[in-house]
Amino acid sequence: MKKKFIVELTTEERSQLQGIVSKGKAAAYKILHANILLKADQGSYGPGWKDRDIAEAFGCHHTTVENLRKRLVTRGFEAALERAKRGPQLSRRKLDGRGEASLVALGCSQAPAGRNRWTLRLLAEGLVELGVVDSISYETVREVLKKTSSSPTAINTG
């Protein structure tokens, strides 16, 4: 398969990477990135190793090598040495304060007929039925309940 993002380092970039690797004073991820870029270099002085060979040599996944090559070509040398920056959070919270209050109130109410107590899935379904949210996962319900000091799914001892 033909590589889409070709690494061709300048002499200055190559010497900077070799300095990082030889000193060993940088963060481990930065040394790893420097090693990967040095082996992926297909310029006049680079060995031009295959991604899978690089990944095997440095104990990482081949997609790590691919992503690093892509970051070098698209975002530049400095960005390739650093860790990948996460994009903006695309998802916003499903439950605001009122939604959390509705969840706790629902959990503190009587369990549905035929059930001894509320399960996370039942609470999620109940929030949808009440129209608090259009959809919600039981994992989101768990995270919200973990945040609160009450435990509405516990057995009622009183």
C-alpha atoms as a PDB file:
ATOM      1  CA  MET A   1       0.000   0.000   0.000  1.00  0.00           C
ATOM      2  CA  LYS A   2       1.353   3.403  -0.957  1.00  0.00           C
ATOM      3  CA  LYS A   3       1.901   5.775   1.961  1.00  0.00           C
ATOM      4  CA  LYS A   4      -0.165   8.929   1.870  1.00  0.00           C
ATOM      5  CA  PHE A   5       2.016  10.983   4.234  1.00  0.00           C
ATOM      6  CA  ILE A   6       5.716  10.792   3.403  1.00  0.00           C
ATOM      7  CA  VAL A   7       8.287  11.819   6.024  1.00  0.00           C
ATOM      8  CA  GLU A   8      11.235  13.728   4.551  1.00  0.00           C
ATOM      9  CA  LEU A   9      13.254  15.401   7.287  1.00  0.00           C
ATOM     10  CA  THR A  10      15.590  18.311   6.734  1.00  0.00           C
ATOM     11  CA  THR A  11      19.169  18.067   7.988  1.00  0.00           C
ATOM     12  CA  GLU A  12      18.306  20.424  10.844  1.00  0.00           C
ATOM     13  CA  GLU A  13      15.223  18.409  11.881  1.00  0.00           C
ATOM     14  CA  ARG A  14      17.196  15.186  11.697  1.00  0.00           C
ATOM     15  CA  SER A  15      19.993  16.525  13.911  1.00  0.00           C
ATOM     16  CA  GLN A  16      17.434  17.870  16.402  1.00  0.00           C
ATOM     17  CA  LEU A  17      15.755  14.441  16.606  1.00  0.00           C
ATOM     18  CA  GLN A  18      19.094  12.678  16.997  1.00  0.00           C
ATOM     19  CA  GLY A  19      19.922  15.085  19.828  1.00  0.00           C
ATOM     20  CA  ILE A  20      16.679  14.222  21.619  1.00  0.00           C
ATOM     21  CA  VAL A  21      17.326  10.497  21.278  1.00  0.00           C
ATOM     22  CA  SER A  22      21.010  10.594  22.258  1.00  0.00           C
ATOM     23  CA  LYS A  23      20.585  12.825  25.327  1.00  0.00           C
ATOM     24  CA  GLY A  24      17.656  10.857  26.713  1.00  0.00           C
ATOM     25  CA  LYS A  25      16.608  13.834  28.866  1.00  0.00           C
ATOM     26  CA  ALA A  26      13.240  14.434  27.193  1.00  0.00           C
ATOM     27  CA  ALA A  27       9.893  12.886  28.067  1.00  0.00           C
ATOM     28  CA  ALA A  28       9.554   9.237  27.039  1.00  0.00           C
ATOM     29  CA  TYR A  29       6.861   9.998  24.465  1.00  0.00           C
ATOM     30  CA  LYS A  30       9.075  12.653  22.868  1.00  0.00           C
ATOM     31  CA  ILE A  31      12.001  10.220  22.586  1.00  0.00           C
ATOM     32  CA  LEU A  32       9.656   7.628  21.084  1.00  0.00           C
ATOM     33  CA  HIS A  33       8.314  10.155  18.564  1.00  0.00           C
ATOM     34  CA  ALA A  34      11.873  11.177  17.651  1.00  0.00           C
ATOM     35  CA  ASN A  35      12.894   7.539  17.108  1.00  0.00           C
ATOM     36  CA  ILE A  36       9.810   6.842  14.984  1.00  0.00           C
ATOM     37  CA  LEU A  37      10.374   9.919  12.813  1.00  0.00           C
ATOM     38  CA  LEU A  38      14.049   9.081  12.324  1.00  0.00           C
ATOM     39  CA  LYS A  39      13.221   5.576  11.111  1.00  0.00           C
ATOM     40  CA  ALA A  40      10.279   6.757   8.972  1.00  0.00           C
ATOM     41  CA  ASP A  41      12.398   9.389   7.195  1.00  0.00           C
ATOM     42  CA  GLN A  42      12.442   8.657   3.474  1.00  0.00           C
ATOM     43  CA  GLY A  43      14.683  11.584   2.619  1.00  0.00           C
ATOM     44  CA  SER A  44      18.232  11.230   1.318  1.00  0.00           C
ATOM     45  CA  TYR A  45      19.668  10.287   4.752  1.00  0.00           C
ATOM     46  CA  GLY A  46      16.760   8.337   6.201  1.00  0.00           C
ATOM     47  CA  PRO A  47      16.342   4.565   6.313  1.00  0.00           C
ATOM     48  CA  GLY A  48      12.657   4.724   5.299  1.00  0.00           C
ATOM     49  CA  TRP A  49      11.478   1.783   7.374  1.00  0.00           C
ATOM     50  CA  LYS A  50       7.971   0.386   6.943  1.00  0.00           C
ATOM     51  CA  ASP A  51       5.393   1.346   9.581  1.00  0.00           C
ATOM     52  CA  ARG A  52       4.995  -2.193  10.879  1.00  0.00           C
ATOM     53  CA  ASP A  53       8.768  -2.595  11.271  1.00  0.00           C
ATOM     54  CA  ILE A  54       8.972   0.693  13.181  1.00  0.00           C
ATOM     55  CA  ALA A  55       6.066  -0.294  15.405  1.00  0.00           C
ATOM     56  CA  GLU A  56       7.653  -3.653  16.165  1.00  0.00           C
ATOM     57  CA  ALA A  57      11.050  -2.079  16.894  1.00  0.00           C
ATOM     58  CA  PHE A  58       9.658   0.479  19.360  1.00  0.00           C
ATOM     59  CA  GLY A  59       6.796  -1.531  20.876  1.00  0.00           C
ATOM     60  CA  CYS A  60       3.889   0.556  19.635  1.00  0.00           C
ATOM     61  CA  HIS A  61       1.001   0.028  17.241  1.00  0.00           C
ATOM     62  CA  HIS A  62       1.432   0.672  13.530  1.00  0.00           C
ATOM     63  CA  THR A  63      -1.396   3.222  13.627  1.00  0.00           C
ATOM     64  CA  THR A  64       0.683   5.225  16.103  1.00  0.00           C
ATOM     65  CA  VAL A  65       3.378   5.449  13.445  1.00  0.00           C
ATOM     66  CA  GLU A  66       0.811   6.350  10.768  1.00  0.00           C
ATOM     67  CA  ASN A  67      -0.731   9.045  12.957  1.00  0.00           C
ATOM     68  CA  LEU A  68       2.670  10.506  13.769  1.00  0.00           C
ATOM     69  CA  ARG A  69       3.619  10.673  10.083  1.00  0.00           C
ATOM     70  CA  LYS A  70       0.298  12.335   9.310  1.00  0.00           C
ATOM     71  CA  ARG A  71       0.765  14.867  12.125  1.00  0.00           C
ATOM     72  CA  LEU A  72       4.260  15.725  10.884  1.00  0.00           C
ATOM     73  CA  VAL A  73       3.066  16.342   7.329  1.00  0.00           C
ATOM     74  CA  THR A  74      -0.169  18.163   8.162  1.00  0.00           C
ATOM     75  CA  ARG A  75       0.699  20.094  11.322  1.00  0.00           C
ATOM     76  CA  GLY A  76       4.474  20.414  11.283  1.00  0.00           C
ATOM     77  CA  PHE A  77       7.626  19.271  13.036  1.00  0.00           C
ATOM     78  CA  GLU A  78       6.889  20.697  16.512  1.00  0.00           C
ATOM     79  CA  ALA A  79       3.369  19.232  16.570  1.00  0.00           C
ATOM     80  CA  ALA A  80       4.760  15.804  15.692  1.00  0.00           C
ATOM     81  CA  LEU A  81       7.104  15.865  18.666  1.00  0.00           C
ATOM     82  CA  GLU A  82       4.328  16.741  21.108  1.00  0.00           C
ATOM     83  CA  ARG A  83       1.406  14.611  22.156  1.00  0.00           C
ATOM     84  CA  ALA A  84      -1.692  14.745  19.997  1.00  0.00           C
ATOM     85  CA  LYS A  85      -4.076  17.433  21.182  1.00  0.00           C
ATOM     86  CA  ARG A  86      -7.641  16.388  21.768  1.00  0.00           C
ATOM     87  CA  GLY A  87     -10.269  18.245  19.838  1.00  0.00           C
ATOM     88  CA  PRO A  88     -13.080  20.169  21.484  1.00  0.00           C
ATOM     89  CA  GLN A  89     -15.622  18.125  23.358  1.00  0.00           C
ATOM     90  CA  LEU A  90     -18.388  17.475  20.887  1.00  0.00           C
ATOM     91  CA  SER A  91     -20.805  16.032  23.382  1.00  0.00           C
ATOM     92  CA  ARG A  92     -22.417  18.155  26.004  1.00  0.00           C
ATOM     93  CA  ARG A  93     -23.827  16.913  29.260  1.00  0.00           C
ATOM     94  CA  LYS A  94     -27.082  15.045  28.936  1.00  0.00           C
ATOM     95  CA  LEU A  95     -28.297  15.984  32.407  1.00  0.00           C
ATOM     96  CA  ASP A  96     -28.171  19.476  33.837  1.00  0.00           C
ATOM     97  CA  GLY A  97     -29.025  20.244  37.464  1.00  0.00           C
ATOM     98  CA  ARG A  98     -32.753  19.749  36.927  1.00  0.00           C
ATOM     99  CA  GLY A  99     -32.151  16.488  35.076  1.00  0.00           C
ATOM    100  CA  GLU A 100     -29.947  15.211  37.890  1.00  0.00           C
ATOM    101  CA  ALA A 101     -32.602  16.175  40.425  1.00  0.00           C
ATOM    102  CA  SER A 102     -35.208  14.290  38.375  1.00  0.00           C
ATOM    103  CA  LEU A 103     -32.945  11.254  38.286  1.00  0.00           C
ATOM    104  CA  VAL A 104     -32.409  11.251  42.042  1.00  0.00           C
ATOM    105  CA  ALA A 105     -36.127  11.776  42.663  1.00  0.00           C
ATOM    106  CA  LEU A 106     -36.972   8.917  40.321  1.00  0.00           C
ATOM    107  CA  GLY A 107     -34.425   6.661  42.009  1.00  0.00           C
ATOM    108  CA  CYS A 108     -35.831   7.487  45.446  1.00  0.00           C
ATOM    109  CA  SER A 109     -39.390   6.705  44.355  1.00  0.00           C
ATOM    110  CA  GLN A 110     -41.056   3.312  44.483  1.00  0.00           C
ATOM    111  CA  ALA A 111     -39.491   0.794  42.089  1.00  0.00           C
ATOM    112  CA  PRO A 112     -41.602  -0.311  39.107  1.00  0.00           C
ATOM    113  CA  ALA A 113     -44.112  -3.102  39.589  1.00  0.00           C
ATOM    114  CA  GLY A 114     -42.461  -6.488  39.741  1.00  0.00           C
ATOM    115  CA  ARG A 115     -39.087  -5.030  40.760  1.00  0.00           C
ATOM    116  CA  ASN A 116     -37.482  -4.802  44.189  1.00  0.00           C
ATOM    117  CA  ARG A 117     -35.310  -1.811  43.272  1.00  0.00           C
ATOM    118  CA  TRP A 118     -34.286   0.455  40.440  1.00  0.00           C
ATOM    119  CA  THR A 119     -31.577  -0.685  38.051  1.00  0.00           C
ATOM    120  CA  LEU A 120     -29.477   1.744  36.049  1.00  0.00           C
ATOM    121  CA  ARG A 121     -31.225   0.663  32.852  1.00  0.00           C
ATOM    122  CA  LEU A 122     -34.654   1.156  34.412  1.00  0.00           C
ATOM    123  CA  LEU A 123     -33.662   4.622  35.610  1.00  0.00           C
ATOM    124  CA  ALA A 124     -32.432   5.507  32.100  1.00  0.00           C
ATOM    125  CA  GLU A 125     -35.698   4.289  30.578  1.00  0.00           C
ATOM    126  CA  GLY A 126     -37.667   6.181  33.230  1.00  0.00           C
ATOM    127  CA  LEU A 127     -35.936   9.465  32.385  1.00  0.00           C
ATOM    128  CA  VAL A 128     -36.829   8.990  28.730  1.00  0.00           C
ATOM    129  CA  GLU A 129     -40.457   8.132  29.582  1.00  0.00           C
ATOM    130  CA  LEU A 130     -40.733  11.240  31.777  1.00  0.00           C
ATOM    131  CA  GLY A 131     -39.416  13.349  28.916  1.00  0.00           C
ATOM    132  CA  VAL A 132     -36.391  14.616  30.856  1.00  0.00           C
ATOM    133  CA  VAL A 133     -34.129  13.580  27.954  1.00  0.00           C
ATOM    134  CA  ASP A 134     -34.624  12.134  24.475  1.00  0.00           C
ATOM    135  CA  SER A 135     -32.129   9.345  25.126  1.00  0.00           C
ATOM    136  CA  ILE A 136     -29.576   8.486  27.785  1.00  0.00           C
ATOM    137  CA  SER A 137     -27.304   5.544  28.481  1.00  0.00           C
ATOM    138  CA  TYR A 138     -27.280   3.659  31.742  1.00  0.00           C
ATOM    139  CA  GLU A 139     -23.573   4.514  32.014  1.00  0.00           C
ATOM    140  CA  THR A 140     -24.421   8.236  32.129  1.00  0.00           C
ATOM    141  CA  VAL A 141     -26.962   7.463  34.841  1.00  0.00           C
ATOM    142  CA  ARG A 142     -24.265   5.590  36.771  1.00  0.00           C
ATOM    143  CA  GLU A 143     -21.818   8.492  36.506  1.00  0.00           C
ATOM    144  CA  VAL A 144     -24.408  10.991  37.754  1.00  0.00           C
ATOM    145  CA  LEU A 145     -25.427   8.766  40.666  1.00  0.00           C
ATOM    146  CA  LYS A 146     -21.833   8.126  41.593  1.00  0.00           C
ATOM    147  CA  LYS A 147     -21.370  11.894  41.808  1.00  0.00           C
ATOM    148  CA  THR A 148     -24.223  12.314  44.269  1.00  0.00           C
ATOM    149  CA  SER A 149     -23.983  11.372  47.919  1.00  0.00           C
ATOM    150  CA  SER A 150     -27.226   9.410  47.843  1.00  0.00           C
ATOM    151  CA  SER A 151     -27.544   5.898  46.550  1.00  0.00           C
ATOM    152  CA  PRO A 152     -31.084   5.465  45.242  1.00  0.00           C
ATOM    153  CA  THR A 153     -30.416   1.946  43.972  1.00  0.00           C
ATOM    154  CA  ALA A 154     -29.461   0.642  47.403  1.00  0.00           C
ATOM    155  CA  ILE A 155     -31.872  -1.517  49.361  1.00  0.00           C
ATOM    156  CA  ASN A 156     -34.177   0.558  51.525  1.00  0.00           C
ATOM    157  CA  THR A 157     -33.483  -0.345  55.163  1.00  0.00           C
ATOM    158  CA  GLY A 158     -35.991   2.000  56.702  1.00  0.00           C
END
